[in-house]
Amino acid sequence: MIPVFIAAVAALVHLFAEDSLGPLAPLVKMTPVAILGGLVLRAPATRARRMAAFGLLIGAVADAAIELSFTLGLVTFLLAHLLYIGAFVRADARLRLLRLLPVALWAAVALPVLVTHAGALAIPVLVYGLVIFTMIWRAAAAMEGPGWNAGTIGLLGALLFGLSDTLLGYSRFVSPLPASNLLIMGTYWGGQALIATSFLKRP
């Protein structure tokens, strides 16, 4: 429980005292997800769990990288999502195309708005968007059924991650949102925590 407590404290410190952290801000920001990645990596190894753990650890690096360069952070998060996709496919490789439909609808609404406002970053944002929506689909495809199980937790985590990035893109490229940092980081950390939990619960 101590690592989880440290992760929670780091998240709260970053949310409410980021401006006071100075050069330590990227390190504090990456701490929660780095701890989650370490917890998943320490669990009994499966291919899916290993891929998820490395996705979390790369996501932690992306948390710091995006503070230095938005494009660098975008590329690093894209690598994390590719690992998540692989992890969810390892958990359940069935296509389940019907579960793609609501994800495709979300993408069809969000991506044109974000891409048309992204300027020089239009193509990177489009590619990243397609990858994260693919990750959400694969999380949906790996959902086992109703109930609070690993599949449901993983899907909820993927949805929160997608919501966080949608809010981030809208706030950055379209129009600032009130309390945007709290909304974006709260949904982001919640999503990462649920993705980690889902792979800890899988056999």
C-alpha atoms as a PDB file:
ATOM      1  CA  MET A   1       0.000   0.000   0.000  1.00  0.00           C
ATOM      2  CA  ILE A   2       2.953   2.364   0.518  1.00  0.00           C
ATOM      3  CA  PRO A   3       3.687   2.713  -3.245  1.00  0.00           C
ATOM      4  CA  VAL A   4       0.006   3.490  -3.890  1.00  0.00           C
ATOM      5  CA  PHE A   5       0.069   6.131  -1.138  1.00  0.00           C
ATOM      6  CA  ILE A   6       3.197   7.706  -2.654  1.00  0.00           C
ATOM      7  CA  ALA A   7       1.565   7.725  -6.085  1.00  0.00           C
ATOM      8  CA  ALA A   8      -1.545   9.417  -4.704  1.00  0.00           C
ATOM      9  CA  VAL A   9       0.502  12.035  -2.841  1.00  0.00           C
ATOM     10  CA  ALA A  10       2.575  12.784  -5.946  1.00  0.00           C
ATOM     11  CA  ALA A  11      -0.599  13.209  -8.004  1.00  0.00           C
ATOM     12  CA  LEU A  12      -2.106  15.610  -5.459  1.00  0.00           C
ATOM     13  CA  VAL A  13       1.113  17.593  -5.148  1.00  0.00           C
ATOM     14  CA  HIS A  14       1.325  17.968  -8.917  1.00  0.00           C
ATOM     15  CA  LEU A  15      -2.327  18.953  -9.226  1.00  0.00           C
ATOM     16  CA  PHE A  16      -2.338  21.589  -6.524  1.00  0.00           C
ATOM     17  CA  ALA A  17       1.279  22.773  -6.287  1.00  0.00           C
ATOM     18  CA  GLU A  18       2.713  22.336  -9.782  1.00  0.00           C
ATOM     19  CA  ASP A  19       3.817  25.961 -10.070  1.00  0.00           C
ATOM     20  CA  SER A  20       5.864  25.620  -6.880  1.00  0.00           C
ATOM     21  CA  LEU A  21       7.738  22.519  -8.010  1.00  0.00           C
ATOM     22  CA  GLY A  22       9.993  24.220 -10.548  1.00  0.00           C
ATOM     23  CA  PRO A  23      12.276  21.762 -12.377  1.00  0.00           C
ATOM     24  CA  LEU A  24      10.958  18.906 -10.217  1.00  0.00           C
ATOM     25  CA  ALA A  25       7.485  19.164 -11.767  1.00  0.00           C
ATOM     26  CA  PRO A  26       8.080  16.602 -14.584  1.00  0.00           C
ATOM     27  CA  LEU A  27       9.565  14.123 -12.085  1.00  0.00           C
ATOM     28  CA  VAL A  28       6.618  14.482  -9.712  1.00  0.00           C
ATOM     29  CA  LYS A  29       4.170  14.230 -12.617  1.00  0.00           C
ATOM     30  CA  MET A  30       5.614  10.928 -13.848  1.00  0.00           C
ATOM     31  CA  THR A  31       5.772   9.337 -10.379  1.00  0.00           C
ATOM     32  CA  PRO A  32       2.175   7.986 -10.120  1.00  0.00           C
ATOM     33  CA  VAL A  33       2.240   6.095 -13.423  1.00  0.00           C
ATOM     34  CA  ALA A  34       5.830   4.931 -12.901  1.00  0.00           C
ATOM     35  CA  ILE A  35       4.736   3.361  -9.606  1.00  0.00           C
ATOM     36  CA  LEU A  36       1.751   1.700 -11.308  1.00  0.00           C
ATOM     37  CA  GLY A  37       4.061   0.304 -13.973  1.00  0.00           C
ATOM     38  CA  GLY A  38       6.415  -1.046 -11.331  1.00  0.00           C
ATOM     39  CA  LEU A  39       3.556  -2.760  -9.487  1.00  0.00           C
ATOM     40  CA  VAL A  40       2.365  -4.476 -12.670  1.00  0.00           C
ATOM     41  CA  LEU A  41       5.923  -5.434 -13.626  1.00  0.00           C
ATOM     42  CA  ARG A  42       6.460  -7.070 -10.205  1.00  0.00           C
ATOM     43  CA  ALA A  43       3.356  -9.255 -10.562  1.00  0.00           C
ATOM     44  CA  PRO A  44       3.698 -12.833 -11.895  1.00  0.00           C
ATOM     45  CA  ALA A  45       4.702 -12.475 -15.529  1.00  0.00           C
ATOM     46  CA  THR A  46       2.397 -13.067 -18.480  1.00  0.00           C
ATOM     47  CA  ARG A  47       2.876 -11.629 -21.973  1.00  0.00           C
ATOM     48  CA  ALA A  48      -0.157  -9.370 -21.614  1.00  0.00           C
ATOM     49  CA  ARG A  49       0.886  -8.155 -18.159  1.00  0.00           C
ATOM     50  CA  ARG A  50       4.455  -7.447 -19.288  1.00  0.00           C
ATOM     51  CA  MET A  51       3.225  -5.421 -22.268  1.00  0.00           C
ATOM     52  CA  ALA A  52       0.863  -3.447 -20.042  1.00  0.00           C
ATOM     53  CA  ALA A  53       3.643  -2.812 -17.519  1.00  0.00           C
ATOM     54  CA  PHE A  54       5.999  -1.471 -20.176  1.00  0.00           C
ATOM     55  CA  GLY A  55       3.130   0.602 -21.572  1.00  0.00           C
ATOM     56  CA  LEU A  56       2.684   2.164 -18.135  1.00  0.00           C
ATOM     57  CA  LEU A  57       6.404   2.808 -17.728  1.00  0.00           C
ATOM     58  CA  ILE A  58       6.635   4.422 -21.155  1.00  0.00           C
ATOM     59  CA  GLY A  59       3.541   6.437 -20.257  1.00  0.00           C
ATOM     60  CA  ALA A  60       5.394   7.704 -17.188  1.00  0.00           C
ATOM     61  CA  VAL A  61       8.266   8.822 -19.410  1.00  0.00           C
ATOM     62  CA  ALA A  62       5.715  10.527 -21.646  1.00  0.00           C
ATOM     63  CA  ASP A  63       4.351  12.424 -18.641  1.00  0.00           C
ATOM     64  CA  ALA A  64       7.740  14.090 -18.284  1.00  0.00           C
ATOM     65  CA  ALA A  65       8.461  14.336 -22.015  1.00  0.00           C
ATOM     66  CA  ILE A  66       5.272  16.261 -22.774  1.00  0.00           C
ATOM     67  CA  GLU A  67       6.423  18.961 -20.344  1.00  0.00           C
ATOM     68  CA  LEU A  68       9.473  19.487 -22.560  1.00  0.00           C
ATOM     69  CA  SER A  69       7.827  19.077 -25.964  1.00  0.00           C
ATOM     70  CA  PHE A  70       4.201  18.371 -26.811  1.00  0.00           C
ATOM     71  CA  THR A  71       5.230  16.453 -29.935  1.00  0.00           C
ATOM     72  CA  LEU A  72       7.749  14.354 -28.027  1.00  0.00           C
ATOM     73  CA  GLY A  73       5.109  13.549 -25.435  1.00  0.00           C
ATOM     74  CA  LEU A  74       2.622  12.642 -28.159  1.00  0.00           C
ATOM     75  CA  VAL A  75       5.062  10.214 -29.786  1.00  0.00           C
ATOM     76  CA  THR A  76       5.977   8.642 -26.450  1.00  0.00           C
ATOM     77  CA  PHE A  77       2.330   8.185 -25.452  1.00  0.00           C
ATOM     78  CA  LEU A  78       1.679   6.646 -28.875  1.00  0.00           C
ATOM     79  CA  LEU A  79       4.292   3.975 -28.093  1.00  0.00           C
ATOM     80  CA  ALA A  80       2.565   3.317 -24.758  1.00  0.00           C
ATOM     81  CA  HIS A  81      -0.777   2.873 -26.510  1.00  0.00           C
ATOM     82  CA  LEU A  82       0.720   0.408 -28.983  1.00  0.00           C
ATOM     83  CA  LEU A  83       1.840  -1.685 -26.013  1.00  0.00           C
ATOM     84  CA  TYR A  84      -1.627  -1.426 -24.465  1.00  0.00           C
ATOM     85  CA  ILE A  85      -3.147  -2.572 -27.747  1.00  0.00           C
ATOM     86  CA  GLY A  86      -0.816  -5.564 -27.745  1.00  0.00           C
ATOM     87  CA  ALA A  87      -1.665  -6.313 -24.111  1.00  0.00           C
ATOM     88  CA  PHE A  88      -5.426  -6.211 -24.719  1.00  0.00           C
ATOM     89  CA  VAL A  89      -5.045  -8.371 -27.842  1.00  0.00           C
ATOM     90  CA  ARG A  90      -3.056 -10.874 -25.784  1.00  0.00           C
ATOM     91  CA  ALA A  91      -5.908 -10.904 -23.282  1.00  0.00           C
ATOM     92  CA  ASP A  92      -8.516 -11.541 -25.996  1.00  0.00           C
ATOM     93  CA  ALA A  93      -7.706 -11.592 -29.707  1.00  0.00           C
ATOM     94  CA  ARG A  94     -11.293 -11.787 -30.984  1.00  0.00           C
ATOM     95  CA  LEU A  95     -12.201  -8.857 -33.255  1.00  0.00           C
ATOM     96  CA  ARG A  96     -15.681  -8.190 -31.841  1.00  0.00           C
ATOM     97  CA  LEU A  97     -16.368  -5.553 -34.465  1.00  0.00           C
ATOM     98  CA  LEU A  98     -19.711  -4.543 -32.950  1.00  0.00           C
ATOM     99  CA  ARG A  99     -17.783  -3.171 -29.989  1.00  0.00           C
ATOM    100  CA  LEU A 100     -15.850  -0.976 -32.410  1.00  0.00           C
ATOM    101  CA  LEU A 101     -18.983   0.927 -33.481  1.00  0.00           C
ATOM    102  CA  PRO A 102     -19.418   3.266 -30.481  1.00  0.00           C
ATOM    103  CA  VAL A 103     -15.658   3.885 -30.422  1.00  0.00           C
ATOM    104  CA  ALA A 104     -15.718   4.736 -34.139  1.00  0.00           C
ATOM    105  CA  LEU A 105     -18.612   7.134 -33.525  1.00  0.00           C
ATOM    106  CA  TRP A 106     -16.639   8.896 -30.775  1.00  0.00           C
ATOM    107  CA  ALA A 107     -13.632   9.141 -33.095  1.00  0.00           C
ATOM    108  CA  ALA A 108     -15.789  10.438 -35.962  1.00  0.00           C
ATOM    109  CA  VAL A 109     -17.069  13.256 -33.752  1.00  0.00           C
ATOM    110  CA  ALA A 110     -13.851  14.170 -31.928  1.00  0.00           C
ATOM    111  CA  LEU A 111     -11.055  13.756 -34.465  1.00  0.00           C
ATOM    112  CA  PRO A 112     -12.299  16.149 -37.176  1.00  0.00           C
ATOM    113  CA  VAL A 113     -12.701  18.907 -34.570  1.00  0.00           C
ATOM    114  CA  LEU A 114      -9.251  18.367 -33.073  1.00  0.00           C
ATOM    115  CA  VAL A 115      -7.406  17.805 -36.348  1.00  0.00           C
ATOM    116  CA  THR A 116      -8.853  20.883 -38.062  1.00  0.00           C
ATOM    117  CA  HIS A 117      -7.704  23.059 -35.155  1.00  0.00           C
ATOM    118  CA  ALA A 118      -4.290  21.410 -34.636  1.00  0.00           C
ATOM    119  CA  GLY A 119      -2.459  23.377 -37.328  1.00  0.00           C
ATOM    120  CA  ALA A 120       1.003  21.964 -37.990  1.00  0.00           C
ATOM    121  CA  LEU A 121       0.255  19.082 -35.623  1.00  0.00           C
ATOM    122  CA  ALA A 122      -2.776  17.921 -37.623  1.00  0.00           C
ATOM    123  CA  ILE A 123      -1.190  14.713 -38.932  1.00  0.00           C
ATOM    124  CA  PRO A 124       0.455  13.697 -35.607  1.00  0.00           C
ATOM    125  CA  VAL A 125      -2.846  14.349 -33.805  1.00  0.00           C
ATOM    126  CA  LEU A 126      -4.756  12.272 -36.374  1.00  0.00           C
ATOM    127  CA  VAL A 127      -2.325   9.355 -36.130  1.00  0.00           C
ATOM    128  CA  TYR A 128      -2.310   9.509 -32.345  1.00  0.00           C
ATOM    129  CA  GLY A 129      -6.098   9.694 -32.261  1.00  0.00           C
ATOM    130  CA  LEU A 130      -6.474   6.635 -34.454  1.00  0.00           C
ATOM    131  CA  VAL A 131      -4.099   4.714 -32.204  1.00  0.00           C
ATOM    132  CA  ILE A 132      -5.797   5.630 -28.937  1.00  0.00           C
ATOM    133  CA  PHE A 133      -9.249   4.844 -30.328  1.00  0.00           C
ATOM    134  CA  THR A 134      -7.874   1.492 -31.485  1.00  0.00           C
ATOM    135  CA  MET A 135      -6.671   0.939 -27.910  1.00  0.00           C
ATOM    136  CA  ILE A 136     -10.167   1.681 -26.590  1.00  0.00           C
ATOM    137  CA  TRP A 137     -11.677  -0.772 -29.087  1.00  0.00           C
ATOM    138  CA  ARG A 138      -9.249  -3.499 -28.058  1.00  0.00           C
ATOM    139  CA  ALA A 139     -10.077  -2.861 -24.393  1.00  0.00           C
ATOM    140  CA  ALA A 140     -13.759  -3.235 -25.288  1.00  0.00           C
ATOM    141  CA  ALA A 141     -13.014  -6.424 -27.218  1.00  0.00           C
ATOM    142  CA  ALA A 142     -11.226  -7.843 -24.164  1.00  0.00           C
ATOM    143  CA  MET A 143     -14.182  -7.183 -21.850  1.00  0.00           C
ATOM    144  CA  GLU A 144     -15.320 -10.517 -20.477  1.00  0.00           C
ATOM    145  CA  GLY A 145     -18.911  -9.705 -19.580  1.00  0.00           C
ATOM    146  CA  PRO A 146     -20.986  -7.800 -17.018  1.00  0.00           C
ATOM    147  CA  GLY A 147     -19.684  -7.301 -13.504  1.00  0.00           C
ATOM    148  CA  TRP A 148     -16.667  -5.686 -11.878  1.00  0.00           C
ATOM    149  CA  ASN A 149     -14.042  -7.895 -13.510  1.00  0.00           C
ATOM    150  CA  ALA A 150     -10.681  -7.316 -15.176  1.00  0.00           C
ATOM    151  CA  GLY A 151     -12.253  -6.707 -18.561  1.00  0.00           C
ATOM    152  CA  THR A 152     -14.718  -4.122 -17.293  1.00  0.00           C
ATOM    153  CA  ILE A 153     -12.013  -2.356 -15.290  1.00  0.00           C
ATOM    154  CA  GLY A 154      -9.703  -2.274 -18.320  1.00  0.00           C
ATOM    155  CA  LEU A 155     -12.409  -0.834 -20.555  1.00  0.00           C
ATOM    156  CA  LEU A 156     -13.289   1.841 -18.007  1.00  0.00           C
ATOM    157  CA  GLY A 157      -9.602   2.733 -17.765  1.00  0.00           C
ATOM    158  CA  ALA A 158      -9.290   2.995 -21.541  1.00  0.00           C
ATOM    159  CA  LEU A 159     -12.419   5.161 -21.722  1.00  0.00           C
ATOM    160  CA  LEU A 160     -11.077   7.525 -19.056  1.00  0.00           C
ATOM    161  CA  PHE A 161      -7.743   7.761 -20.888  1.00  0.00           C
ATOM    162  CA  GLY A 162      -9.585   8.554 -24.117  1.00  0.00           C
ATOM    163  CA  LEU A 163     -11.706  11.163 -22.339  1.00  0.00           C
ATOM    164  CA  SER A 164      -8.586  12.745 -20.851  1.00  0.00           C
ATOM    165  CA  ASP A 165      -6.921  13.043 -24.253  1.00  0.00           C
ATOM    166  CA  THR A 166     -10.100  14.365 -25.861  1.00  0.00           C
ATOM    167  CA  LEU A 167     -10.313  17.068 -23.180  1.00  0.00           C
ATOM    168  CA  LEU A 168      -6.597  17.821 -23.547  1.00  0.00           C
ATOM    169  CA  GLY A 169      -6.885  18.172 -27.303  1.00  0.00           C
ATOM    170  CA  TYR A 170      -9.968  20.373 -27.068  1.00  0.00           C
ATOM    171  CA  SER A 171      -8.427  22.573 -24.378  1.00  0.00           C
ATOM    172  CA  ARG A 172      -5.144  22.935 -26.282  1.00  0.00           C
ATOM    173  CA  PHE A 173      -6.378  23.323 -29.846  1.00  0.00           C
ATOM    174  CA  VAL A 174      -9.984  24.539 -29.725  1.00  0.00           C
ATOM    175  CA  SER A 175     -10.874  26.441 -26.555  1.00  0.00           C
ATOM    176  CA  PRO A 176      -9.615  26.456 -22.955  1.00  0.00           C
ATOM    177  CA  LEU A 177     -11.795  24.543 -20.511  1.00  0.00           C
ATOM    178  CA  PRO A 178     -12.525  25.593 -16.924  1.00  0.00           C
ATOM    179  CA  ALA A 179     -10.592  23.504 -14.398  1.00  0.00           C
ATOM    180  CA  SER A 180      -8.937  21.804 -17.375  1.00  0.00           C
ATOM    181  CA  ASN A 181      -5.877  20.553 -15.486  1.00  0.00           C
ATOM    182  CA  LEU A 182      -7.996  18.877 -12.816  1.00  0.00           C
ATOM    183  CA  LEU A 183     -10.297  17.312 -15.411  1.00  0.00           C
ATOM    184  CA  ILE A 184      -7.508  16.169 -17.717  1.00  0.00           C
ATOM    185  CA  MET A 185      -5.125  14.823 -15.098  1.00  0.00           C
ATOM    186  CA  GLY A 186      -7.891  13.345 -12.937  1.00  0.00           C
ATOM    187  CA  THR A 187      -9.301  11.298 -15.803  1.00  0.00           C
ATOM    188  CA  TYR A 188      -5.789  10.435 -17.016  1.00  0.00           C
ATOM    189  CA  TRP A 189      -4.523   9.107 -13.687  1.00  0.00           C
ATOM    190  CA  GLY A 190      -7.820   7.336 -13.085  1.00  0.00           C
ATOM    191  CA  GLY A 191      -7.561   5.674 -16.481  1.00  0.00           C
ATOM    192  CA  GLN A 192      -3.982   4.558 -15.964  1.00  0.00           C
ATOM    193  CA  ALA A 193      -4.784   3.211 -12.499  1.00  0.00           C
ATOM    194  CA  LEU A 194      -7.701   1.177 -13.845  1.00  0.00           C
ATOM    195  CA  ILE A 195      -5.671  -0.199 -16.757  1.00  0.00           C
ATOM    196  CA  ALA A 196      -2.978  -1.263 -14.285  1.00  0.00           C
ATOM    197  CA  THR A 197      -5.589  -2.833 -11.988  1.00  0.00           C
ATOM    198  CA  SER A 198      -7.176  -4.738 -14.855  1.00  0.00           C
ATOM    199  CA  PHE A 199      -3.899  -6.446 -15.742  1.00  0.00           C
ATOM    200  CA  LEU A 200      -3.136  -7.174 -12.100  1.00  0.00           C
ATOM    201  CA  LYS A 201      -6.493  -8.941 -11.867  1.00  0.00           C
ATOM    202  CA  ARG A 202      -6.106 -10.993 -15.045  1.00  0.00           C
ATOM    203  CA  PRO A 203      -4.851 -14.562 -14.652  1.00  0.00           C
END
